[in-house]
Amino acid sequence: MSKQQIKSEKQVKKPSVTISEPANKFLFERRNYMILFAGLALLAIGFLLMTGGHQPPDQFDPKIIYGFRNATLSSFVVVIGFLVVLYSIFAKHSSQVKIEK
């Protein structure tokens, strides 16, 4: 049997990997964050519209609870707010898209 040479860990060349940090440390651009905050503001407005305003605790007024503003308008505003927030998360603008050859 022939003797085999065993290489030590020092003699084995390991591939060098360089990791470059991206220039932008935020996950999204400024435009995405502005759209996100606008969507959050729409959500807050929609939920405030759902509260129905001031009503005396000893009186029940179905016009306030089941009215257009509380039942319909506030629901639309909340749904639009959620859609705006989703758009701000998934939107990629032209400055973010890089095509490599």
PDB file of N, CA and C in Angstrom:
ATOM      1  N   MET A   1       0.830  -1.170   0.000  1.00  0.00           N
ATOM      2  CA  MET A   1       0.000   0.000   0.000  1.00  0.00           C
ATOM      3  C   MET A   1       0.872   1.230   0.000  1.00  0.00           C
ATOM      4  N   SER A   2       0.434   2.191  -0.741  1.00  0.00           N
ATOM      5  CA  SER A   2       1.231   3.403  -0.814  1.00  0.00           C
ATOM      6  C   SER A   2       0.755   4.397   0.246  1.00  0.00           C
ATOM      7  N   LYS A   3       1.660   5.193   0.595  1.00  0.00           N
ATOM      8  CA  LYS A   3       1.338   6.216   1.607  1.00  0.00           C
ATOM      9  C   LYS A   3       0.659   7.399   0.922  1.00  0.00           C
ATOM     10  N   GLN A   4      -0.410   7.846   1.530  1.00  0.00           N
ATOM     11  CA  GLN A   4      -1.116   9.013   0.999  1.00  0.00           C
ATOM     12  C   GLN A   4      -0.765  10.211   1.850  1.00  0.00           C
ATOM     13  N   GLN A   5      -0.622  11.334   1.174  1.00  0.00           N
ATOM     14  CA  GLN A   5      -0.329  12.562   1.896  1.00  0.00           C
ATOM     15  C   GLN A   5      -1.637  13.184   2.365  1.00  0.00           C
ATOM     16  N   ILE A   6      -1.661  13.549   3.611  1.00  0.00           N
ATOM     17  CA  ILE A   6      -2.829  14.213   4.184  1.00  0.00           C
ATOM     18  C   ILE A   6      -2.529  15.698   4.248  1.00  0.00           C
ATOM     19  N   LYS A   7      -3.388  16.477   3.607  1.00  0.00           N
ATOM     20  CA  LYS A   7      -3.205  17.922   3.597  1.00  0.00           C
ATOM     21  C   LYS A   7      -3.786  18.500   4.876  1.00  0.00           C
ATOM     22  N   SER A   8      -3.075  19.369   5.450  1.00  0.00           N
ATOM     23  CA  SER A   8      -3.595  20.036   6.640  1.00  0.00           C
ATOM     24  C   SER A   8      -4.565  21.132   6.212  1.00  0.00           C
ATOM     25  N   GLU A   9      -5.291  21.624   7.176  1.00  0.00           N
ATOM     26  CA  GLU A   9      -6.281  22.659   6.877  1.00  0.00           C
ATOM     27  C   GLU A   9      -5.631  23.938   6.371  1.00  0.00           C
ATOM     28  N   LYS A  10      -4.410  24.157   6.726  1.00  0.00           N
ATOM     29  CA  LYS A  10      -3.724  25.375   6.282  1.00  0.00           C
ATOM     30  C   LYS A  10      -3.390  25.320   4.798  1.00  0.00           C
ATOM     31  N   GLN A  11      -3.144  24.128   4.267  1.00  0.00           N
ATOM     32  CA  GLN A  11      -2.763  23.998   2.875  1.00  0.00           C
ATOM     33  C   GLN A  11      -3.970  24.025   1.933  1.00  0.00           C
ATOM     34  N   VAL A  12      -5.163  23.718   2.441  1.00  0.00           N
ATOM     35  CA  VAL A  12      -6.363  23.696   1.611  1.00  0.00           C
ATOM     36  C   VAL A  12      -6.817  25.124   1.356  1.00  0.00           C
ATOM     37  N   LYS A  13      -6.988  25.448   0.087  1.00  0.00           N
ATOM     38  CA  LYS A  13      -7.444  26.797  -0.261  1.00  0.00           C
ATOM     39  C   LYS A  13      -8.955  26.857  -0.191  1.00  0.00           C
ATOM     40  N   LYS A  14      -9.432  27.808   0.519  1.00  0.00           N
ATOM     41  CA  LYS A  14     -10.875  28.012   0.625  1.00  0.00           C
ATOM     42  C   LYS A  14     -11.266  29.165  -0.288  1.00  0.00           C
ATOM     43  N   PRO A  15     -12.388  29.044  -0.978  1.00  0.00           N
ATOM     44  CA  PRO A  15     -12.807  30.152  -1.852  1.00  0.00           C
ATOM     45  C   PRO A  15     -13.162  31.382  -1.010  1.00  0.00           C
ATOM     46  N   SER A  16     -12.724  32.515  -1.486  1.00  0.00           N
ATOM     47  CA  SER A  16     -13.014  33.751  -0.766  1.00  0.00           C
ATOM     48  C   SER A  16     -14.319  34.345  -1.280  1.00  0.00           C
ATOM     49  N   VAL A  17     -15.179  34.687  -0.360  1.00  0.00           N
ATOM     50  CA  VAL A  17     -16.479  35.257  -0.697  1.00  0.00           C
ATOM     51  C   VAL A  17     -16.534  36.649  -0.110  1.00  0.00           C
ATOM     52  N   THR A  18     -16.845  37.607  -0.957  1.00  0.00           N
ATOM     53  CA  THR A  18     -16.993  38.979  -0.477  1.00  0.00           C
ATOM     54  C   THR A  18     -18.459  39.357  -0.554  1.00  0.00           C
ATOM     55  N   ILE A  19     -18.964  39.864   0.519  1.00  0.00           N
ATOM     56  CA  ILE A  19     -20.357  40.295   0.577  1.00  0.00           C
ATOM     57  C   ILE A  19     -20.358  41.812   0.631  1.00  0.00           C
ATOM     58  N   SER A  20     -20.963  42.400  -0.378  1.00  0.00           N
ATOM     59  CA  SER A  20     -21.033  43.858  -0.401  1.00  0.00           C
ATOM     60  C   SER A  20     -22.369  44.290   0.184  1.00  0.00           C
ATOM     61  N   GLU A  21     -22.329  45.274   1.032  1.00  0.00           N
ATOM     62  CA  GLU A  21     -23.548  45.791   1.648  1.00  0.00           C
ATOM     63  C   GLU A  21     -24.256  46.711   0.668  1.00  0.00           C
ATOM     64  N   PRO A  22     -25.569  46.638   0.606  1.00  0.00           N
ATOM     65  CA  PRO A  22     -26.282  47.533  -0.302  1.00  0.00           C
ATOM     66  C   PRO A  22     -26.185  48.981   0.176  1.00  0.00           C
ATOM     67  N   ALA A  23     -26.269  49.883  -0.781  1.00  0.00           N
ATOM     68  CA  ALA A  23     -26.157  51.298  -0.446  1.00  0.00           C
ATOM     69  C   ALA A  23     -27.366  51.770   0.358  1.00  0.00           C
ATOM     70  N   ASN A  24     -28.548  51.229   0.068  1.00  0.00           N
ATOM     71  CA  ASN A  24     -29.762  51.620   0.763  1.00  0.00           C
ATOM     72  C   ASN A  24     -30.022  50.617   1.882  1.00  0.00           C
ATOM     73  N   LYS A  25     -30.012  51.052   3.126  1.00  0.00           N
ATOM     74  CA  LYS A  25     -30.196  50.142   4.244  1.00  0.00           C
ATOM     75  C   LYS A  25     -31.661  49.953   4.600  1.00  0.00           C
ATOM     76  N   PHE A  26     -32.553  50.744   4.034  1.00  0.00           N
ATOM     77  CA  PHE A  26     -33.975  50.580   4.282  1.00  0.00           C
ATOM     78  C   PHE A  26     -34.539  49.540   3.321  1.00  0.00           C
ATOM     79  N   LEU A  27     -35.608  48.900   3.735  1.00  0.00           N
ATOM     80  CA  LEU A  27     -36.214  47.866   2.910  1.00  0.00           C
ATOM     81  C   LEU A  27     -36.920  48.466   1.694  1.00  0.00           C
ATOM     82  N   PHE A  28     -37.560  49.615   1.876  1.00  0.00           N
ATOM     83  CA  PHE A  28     -38.290  50.269   0.799  1.00  0.00           C
ATOM     84  C   PHE A  28     -37.712  51.651   0.554  1.00  0.00           C
ATOM     85  N   GLU A  29     -38.156  52.253  -0.543  1.00  0.00           N
ATOM     86  CA  GLU A  29     -37.763  53.632  -0.829  1.00  0.00           C
ATOM     87  C   GLU A  29     -38.682  54.597  -0.099  1.00  0.00           C
ATOM     88  N   ARG A  30     -38.320  55.854  -0.174  1.00  0.00           N
ATOM     89  CA  ARG A  30     -39.112  56.892   0.497  1.00  0.00           C
ATOM     90  C   ARG A  30     -40.544  56.928  -0.036  1.00  0.00           C
ATOM     91  N   ARG A  31     -40.684  56.749  -1.342  1.00  0.00           N
ATOM     92  CA  ARG A  31     -42.012  56.789  -1.960  1.00  0.00           C
ATOM     93  C   ARG A  31     -42.914  55.688  -1.392  1.00  0.00           C
ATOM     94  N   ASN A  32     -42.350  54.493  -1.199  1.00  0.00           N
ATOM     95  CA  ASN A  32     -43.134  53.393  -0.636  1.00  0.00           C
ATOM     96  C   ASN A  32     -43.592  53.719   0.778  1.00  0.00           C
ATOM     97  N   TYR A  33     -42.715  54.314   1.572  1.00  0.00           N
ATOM     98  CA  TYR A  33     -43.081  54.657   2.946  1.00  0.00           C
ATOM     99  C   TYR A  33     -44.163  55.743   2.975  1.00  0.00           C
ATOM    100  N   MET A  34     -44.099  56.691   2.062  1.00  0.00           N
ATOM    101  CA  MET A  34     -45.129  57.735   2.023  1.00  0.00           C
ATOM    102  C   MET A  34     -46.488  57.130   1.653  1.00  0.00           C
ATOM    103  N   ILE A  35     -46.490  56.200   0.700  1.00  0.00           N
ATOM    104  CA  ILE A  35     -47.740  55.532   0.336  1.00  0.00           C
ATOM    105  C   ILE A  35     -48.245  54.690   1.500  1.00  0.00           C
ATOM    106  N   LEU A  36     -47.329  54.040   2.217  1.00  0.00           N
ATOM    107  CA  LEU A  36     -47.711  53.231   3.374  1.00  0.00           C
ATOM    108  C   LEU A  36     -48.367  54.079   4.453  1.00  0.00           C
ATOM    109  N   PHE A  37     -47.786  55.237   4.754  1.00  0.00           N
ATOM    110  CA  PHE A  37     -48.367  56.110   5.781  1.00  0.00           C
ATOM    111  C   PHE A  37     -49.713  56.676   5.334  1.00  0.00           C
ATOM    112  N   ALA A  38     -49.868  56.932   4.041  1.00  0.00           N
ATOM    113  CA  ALA A  38     -51.171  57.385   3.540  1.00  0.00           C
ATOM    114  C   ALA A  38     -52.221  56.285   3.720  1.00  0.00           C
ATOM    115  N   GLY A  39     -51.843  55.040   3.457  1.00  0.00           N
ATOM    116  CA  GLY A  39     -52.769  53.924   3.662  1.00  0.00           C
ATOM    117  C   GLY A  39     -53.123  53.741   5.127  1.00  0.00           C
ATOM    118  N   LEU A  40     -52.146  53.902   6.016  1.00  0.00           N
ATOM    119  CA  LEU A  40     -52.425  53.802   7.448  1.00  0.00           C
ATOM    120  C   LEU A  40     -53.341  54.928   7.921  1.00  0.00           C
ATOM    121  N   ALA A  41     -53.172  56.116   7.332  1.00  0.00           N
ATOM    122  CA  ALA A  41     -54.055  57.229   7.675  1.00  0.00           C
ATOM    123  C   ALA A  41     -55.491  56.937   7.206  1.00  0.00           C
ATOM    124  N   LEU A  42     -55.621  56.343   6.017  1.00  0.00           N
ATOM    125  CA  LEU A  42     -56.958  55.968   5.543  1.00  0.00           C
ATOM    126  C   LEU A  42     -57.593  54.924   6.462  1.00  0.00           C
ATOM    127  N   LEU A  43     -56.795  53.982   6.942  1.00  0.00           N
ATOM    128  CA  LEU A  43     -57.322  52.989   7.876  1.00  0.00           C
ATOM    129  C   LEU A  43     -57.811  53.649   9.165  1.00  0.00           C
ATOM    130  N   ALA A  44     -57.024  54.580   9.678  1.00  0.00           N
ATOM    131  CA  ALA A  44     -57.416  55.263  10.918  1.00  0.00           C
ATOM    132  C   ALA A  44     -58.700  56.065  10.709  1.00  0.00           C
ATOM    133  N   ILE A  45     -58.797  56.754   9.578  1.00  0.00           N
ATOM    134  CA  ILE A  45     -60.009  57.531   9.291  1.00  0.00           C
ATOM    135  C   ILE A  45     -61.215  56.606   9.158  1.00  0.00           C
ATOM    136  N   GLY A  46     -61.033  55.468   8.494  1.00  0.00           N
ATOM    137  CA  GLY A  46     -62.136  54.526   8.333  1.00  0.00           C
ATOM    138  C   GLY A  46     -62.625  53.971   9.660  1.00  0.00           C
ATOM    139  N   PHE A  47     -61.690  53.641  10.552  1.00  0.00           N
ATOM    140  CA  PHE A  47     -62.108  53.124  11.855  1.00  0.00           C
ATOM    141  C   PHE A  47     -62.736  54.213  12.721  1.00  0.00           C
ATOM    142  N   LEU A  48     -62.283  55.449  12.564  1.00  0.00           N
ATOM    143  CA  LEU A  48     -62.930  56.546  13.291  1.00  0.00           C
ATOM    144  C   LEU A  48     -64.350  56.793  12.776  1.00  0.00           C
ATOM    145  N   LEU A  49     -64.544  56.611  11.472  1.00  0.00           N
ATOM    146  CA  LEU A  49     -65.896  56.745  10.920  1.00  0.00           C
ATOM    147  C   LEU A  49     -66.824  55.646  11.437  1.00  0.00           C
ATOM    148  N   MET A  50     -66.265  54.493  11.743  1.00  0.00           N
ATOM    149  CA  MET A  50     -67.087  53.393  12.262  1.00  0.00           C
ATOM    150  C   MET A  50     -67.592  53.633  13.685  1.00  0.00           C
ATOM    151  N   THR A  51     -66.914  54.495  14.420  1.00  0.00           N
ATOM    152  CA  THR A  51     -67.318  54.701  15.813  1.00  0.00           C
ATOM    153  C   THR A  51     -68.680  55.349  15.918  1.00  0.00           C
ATOM    154  N   GLY A  52     -69.055  56.173  14.987  1.00  0.00           N
ATOM    155  CA  GLY A  52     -70.407  56.695  14.959  1.00  0.00           C
ATOM    156  C   GLY A  52     -70.626  58.015  15.657  1.00  0.00           C
ATOM    157  N   GLY A  53     -69.645  58.584  16.230  1.00  0.00           N
ATOM    158  CA  GLY A  53     -69.842  59.869  16.880  1.00  0.00           C
ATOM    159  C   GLY A  53     -70.428  59.743  18.271  1.00  0.00           C
ATOM    160  N   HIS A  54     -70.870  60.858  18.805  1.00  0.00           N
ATOM    161  CA  HIS A  54     -71.377  60.900  20.182  1.00  0.00           C
ATOM    162  C   HIS A  54     -72.852  60.549  20.215  1.00  0.00           C
ATOM    163  N   GLN A  55     -73.193  59.679  21.139  1.00  0.00           N
ATOM    164  CA  GLN A  55     -74.583  59.298  21.346  1.00  0.00           C
ATOM    165  C   GLN A  55     -74.797  59.168  22.854  1.00  0.00           C
ATOM    166  N   PRO A  56     -75.865  59.745  23.374  1.00  0.00           N
ATOM    167  CA  PRO A  56     -76.129  59.602  24.811  1.00  0.00           C
ATOM    168  C   PRO A  56     -76.309  58.129  25.183  1.00  0.00           C
ATOM    169  N   PRO A  57     -75.751  57.692  26.302  1.00  0.00           N
ATOM    170  CA  PRO A  57     -75.806  56.272  26.655  1.00  0.00           C
ATOM    171  C   PRO A  57     -77.204  55.770  26.987  1.00  0.00           C
ATOM    172  N   ASP A  58     -78.125  56.648  27.352  1.00  0.00           N
ATOM    173  CA  ASP A  58     -79.471  56.193  27.708  1.00  0.00           C
ATOM    174  C   ASP A  58     -80.435  56.181  26.517  1.00  0.00           C
ATOM    175  N   GLN A  59     -79.951  56.596  25.339  1.00  0.00           N
ATOM    176  CA  GLN A  59     -80.812  56.623  24.153  1.00  0.00           C
ATOM    177  C   GLN A  59     -80.197  55.770  23.048  1.00  0.00           C
ATOM    178  N   PHE A  60     -81.053  55.062  22.336  1.00  0.00           N
ATOM    179  CA  PHE A  60     -80.616  54.258  21.200  1.00  0.00           C
ATOM    180  C   PHE A  60     -81.188  54.864  19.928  1.00  0.00           C
ATOM    181  N   ASP A  61     -80.312  55.267  19.023  1.00  0.00           N
ATOM    182  CA  ASP A  61     -80.749  55.865  17.761  1.00  0.00           C
ATOM    183  C   ASP A  61     -80.230  55.001  16.607  1.00  0.00           C
ATOM    184  N   PRO A  62     -81.093  54.233  15.949  1.00  0.00           N
ATOM    185  CA  PRO A  62     -80.614  53.364  14.863  1.00  0.00           C
ATOM    186  C   PRO A  62     -80.097  54.138  13.653  1.00  0.00           C
ATOM    187  N   LYS A  63     -80.487  55.403  13.521  1.00  0.00           N
ATOM    188  CA  LYS A  63     -79.977  56.198  12.405  1.00  0.00           C
ATOM    189  C   LYS A  63     -78.466  56.389  12.524  1.00  0.00           C
ATOM    190  N   ILE A  64     -77.978  56.498  13.738  1.00  0.00           N
ATOM    191  CA  ILE A  64     -76.533  56.700  13.931  1.00  0.00           C
ATOM    192  C   ILE A  64     -75.781  55.393  13.690  1.00  0.00           C
ATOM    193  N   ILE A  65     -76.275  54.303  14.223  1.00  0.00           N
ATOM    194  CA  ILE A  65     -75.550  53.033  14.120  1.00  0.00           C
ATOM    195  C   ILE A  65     -75.650  52.438  12.721  1.00  0.00           C
ATOM    196  N   TYR A  66     -76.821  52.450  12.134  1.00  0.00           N
ATOM    197  CA  TYR A  66     -77.026  51.813  10.840  1.00  0.00           C
ATOM    198  C   TYR A  66     -77.051  52.813   9.687  1.00  0.00           C
ATOM    199  N   GLY A  67     -76.517  53.976   9.884  1.00  0.00           N
ATOM    200  CA  GLY A  67     -76.526  54.990   8.841  1.00  0.00           C
ATOM    201  C   GLY A  67     -75.500  54.714   7.754  1.00  0.00           C
ATOM    202  N   PHE A  68     -75.539  55.552   6.734  1.00  0.00           N
ATOM    203  CA  PHE A  68     -74.637  55.407   5.589  1.00  0.00           C
ATOM    204  C   PHE A  68     -73.184  55.538   6.006  1.00  0.00           C
ATOM    205  N   ARG A  69     -72.886  56.505   6.862  1.00  0.00           N
ATOM    206  CA  ARG A  69     -71.497  56.769   7.246  1.00  0.00           C
ATOM    207  C   ARG A  69     -70.899  55.594   8.010  1.00  0.00           C
ATOM    208  N   ASN A  70     -71.624  55.057   8.984  1.00  0.00           N
ATOM    209  CA  ASN A  70     -71.071  53.989   9.821  1.00  0.00           C
ATOM    210  C   ASN A  70     -71.018  52.651   9.097  1.00  0.00           C
ATOM    211  N   ALA A  71     -72.035  52.330   8.331  1.00  0.00           N
ATOM    212  CA  ALA A  71     -72.115  50.998   7.731  1.00  0.00           C
ATOM    213  C   ALA A  71     -71.419  50.915   6.376  1.00  0.00           C
ATOM    214  N   THR A  72     -71.555  51.916   5.542  1.00  0.00           N
ATOM    215  CA  THR A  72     -71.083  51.802   4.168  1.00  0.00           C
ATOM    216  C   THR A  72     -69.796  52.574   3.912  1.00  0.00           C
ATOM    217  N   LEU A  73     -69.809  53.862   4.190  1.00  0.00           N
ATOM    218  CA  LEU A  73     -68.662  54.705   3.879  1.00  0.00           C
ATOM    219  C   LEU A  73     -67.413  54.256   4.634  1.00  0.00           C
ATOM    220  N   SER A  74     -67.556  53.965   5.910  1.00  0.00           N
ATOM    221  CA  SER A  74     -66.390  53.561   6.697  1.00  0.00           C
ATOM    222  C   SER A  74     -65.813  52.246   6.197  1.00  0.00           C
ATOM    223  N   SER A  75     -66.665  51.328   5.753  1.00  0.00           N
ATOM    224  CA  SER A  75     -66.181  50.048   5.218  1.00  0.00           C
ATOM    225  C   SER A  75     -65.377  50.250   3.943  1.00  0.00           C
ATOM    226  N   PHE A  76     -65.876  51.114   3.054  1.00  0.00           N
ATOM    227  CA  PHE A  76     -65.141  51.395   1.827  1.00  0.00           C
ATOM    228  C   PHE A  76     -63.801  52.056   2.117  1.00  0.00           C
ATOM    229  N   VAL A  77     -63.768  52.970   3.056  1.00  0.00           N
ATOM    230  CA  VAL A  77     -62.521  53.668   3.388  1.00  0.00           C
ATOM    231  C   VAL A  77     -61.502  52.681   3.966  1.00  0.00           C
ATOM    232  N   VAL A  78     -61.950  51.751   4.796  1.00  0.00           N
ATOM    233  CA  VAL A  78     -61.034  50.757   5.380  1.00  0.00           C
ATOM    234  C   VAL A  78     -60.498  49.821   4.301  1.00  0.00           C
ATOM    235  N   VAL A  79     -61.353  49.360   3.404  1.00  0.00           N
ATOM    236  CA  VAL A  79     -60.899  48.470   2.332  1.00  0.00           C
ATOM    237  C   VAL A  79     -59.912  49.193   1.426  1.00  0.00           C
ATOM    238  N   ILE A  80     -60.190  50.432   1.082  1.00  0.00           N
ATOM    239  CA  ILE A  80     -59.255  51.217   0.260  1.00  0.00           C
ATOM    240  C   ILE A  80     -57.938  51.411   1.006  1.00  0.00           C
ATOM    241  N   GLY A  81     -57.988  51.642   2.305  1.00  0.00           N
ATOM    242  CA  GLY A  81     -56.769  51.773   3.098  1.00  0.00           C
ATOM    243  C   GLY A  81     -55.922  50.516   3.059  1.00  0.00           C
ATOM    244  N   PHE A  82     -56.559  49.346   3.184  1.00  0.00           N
ATOM    245  CA  PHE A  82     -55.816  48.084   3.101  1.00  0.00           C
ATOM    246  C   PHE A  82     -55.209  47.886   1.720  1.00  0.00           C
ATOM    247  N   LEU A  83     -55.929  48.251   0.674  1.00  0.00           N
ATOM    248  CA  LEU A  83     -55.399  48.124  -0.682  1.00  0.00           C
ATOM    249  C   LEU A  83     -54.201  49.052  -0.909  1.00  0.00           C
ATOM    250  N   VAL A  84     -54.258  50.253  -0.372  1.00  0.00           N
ATOM    251  CA  VAL A  84     -53.139  51.187  -0.506  1.00  0.00           C
ATOM    252  C   VAL A  84     -51.914  50.661   0.244  1.00  0.00           C
ATOM    253  N   VAL A  85     -52.116  50.084   1.414  1.00  0.00           N
ATOM    254  CA  VAL A  85     -50.996  49.514   2.175  1.00  0.00           C
ATOM    255  C   VAL A  85     -50.381  48.345   1.400  1.00  0.00           C
ATOM    256  N   LEU A  86     -51.210  47.479   0.829  1.00  0.00           N
ATOM    257  CA  LEU A  86     -50.679  46.369   0.034  1.00  0.00           C
ATOM    258  C   LEU A  86     -49.917  46.866  -1.185  1.00  0.00           C
ATOM    259  N   TYR A  87     -50.431  47.896  -1.832  1.00  0.00           N
ATOM    260  CA  TYR A  87     -49.718  48.461  -2.978  1.00  0.00           C
ATOM    261  C   TYR A  87     -48.356  49.002  -2.564  1.00  0.00           C
ATOM    262  N   SER A  88     -48.302  49.662  -1.418  1.00  0.00           N
ATOM    263  CA  SER A  88     -47.026  50.228  -0.987  1.00  0.00           C
ATOM    264  C   SER A  88     -46.007  49.142  -0.670  1.00  0.00           C
ATOM    265  N   ILE A  89     -46.459  47.971  -0.268  1.00  0.00           N
ATOM    266  CA  ILE A  89     -45.526  46.881   0.037  1.00  0.00           C
ATOM    267  C   ILE A  89     -45.021  46.220  -1.243  1.00  0.00           C
ATOM    268  N   PHE A  90     -45.903  45.983  -2.202  1.00  0.00           N
ATOM    269  CA  PHE A  90     -45.526  45.229  -3.389  1.00  0.00           C
ATOM    270  C   PHE A  90     -45.015  46.072  -4.549  1.00  0.00           C
ATOM    271  N   ALA A  91     -45.151  47.375  -4.515  1.00  0.00           N
ATOM    272  CA  ALA A  91     -44.768  48.212  -5.652  1.00  0.00           C
ATOM    273  C   ALA A  91     -43.253  48.333  -5.735  1.00  0.00           C
ATOM    274  N   LYS A  92     -42.744  48.131  -6.936  1.00  0.00           N
ATOM    275  CA  LYS A  92     -41.319  48.370  -7.211  1.00  0.00           C
ATOM    276  C   LYS A  92     -41.267  49.439  -8.289  1.00  0.00           C
ATOM    277  N   HIS A  93     -40.549  50.478  -8.003  1.00  0.00           N
ATOM    278  CA  HIS A  93     -40.484  51.598  -8.930  1.00  0.00           C
ATOM    279  C   HIS A  93     -39.271  51.449  -9.835  1.00  0.00           C
ATOM    280  N   SER A  94     -39.187  52.266 -10.858  1.00  0.00           N
ATOM    281  CA  SER A  94     -38.158  52.119 -11.877  1.00  0.00           C
ATOM    282  C   SER A  94     -36.735  52.205 -11.321  1.00  0.00           C
ATOM    283  N   SER A  95     -36.520  52.940 -10.260  1.00  0.00           N
ATOM    284  CA  SER A  95     -35.175  53.055  -9.700  1.00  0.00           C
ATOM    285  C   SER A  95     -34.773  51.796  -8.945  1.00  0.00           C
ATOM    286  N   GLN A  96     -35.737  50.950  -8.524  1.00  0.00           N
ATOM    287  CA  GLN A  96     -35.422  49.719  -7.809  1.00  0.00           C
ATOM    288  C   GLN A  96     -35.141  48.557  -8.764  1.00  0.00           C
ATOM    289  N   VAL A  97     -35.687  48.594  -9.955  1.00  0.00           N
ATOM    290  CA  VAL A  97     -35.542  47.479 -10.882  1.00  0.00           C
ATOM    291  C   VAL A  97     -34.208  47.632 -11.605  1.00  0.00           C
ATOM    292  N   LYS A  98     -33.334  46.619 -11.447  1.00  0.00           N
ATOM    293  CA  LYS A  98     -32.035  46.625 -12.104  1.00  0.00           C
ATOM    294  C   LYS A  98     -31.924  45.377 -12.950  1.00  0.00           C
ATOM    295  N   ILE A  99     -31.585  45.550 -14.207  1.00  0.00           N
ATOM    296  CA  ILE A  99     -31.451  44.424 -15.108  1.00  0.00           C
ATOM    297  C   ILE A  99     -29.967  44.155 -15.290  1.00  0.00           C
ATOM    298  N   GLU A 100     -29.556  42.936 -14.933  1.00  0.00           N
ATOM    299  CA  GLU A 100     -28.157  42.555 -15.072  1.00  0.00           C
ATOM    300  C   GLU A 100     -28.009  41.604 -16.249  1.00  0.00           C
ATOM    301  N   LYS A 101     -26.960  41.793 -17.012  1.00  0.00           N
ATOM    302  CA  LYS A 101     -26.702  40.914 -18.160  1.00  0.00           C
ATOM    303  C   LYS A 101     -25.539  40.015 -17.879  1.00  0.00           C
TER     304      LYS A 101
END
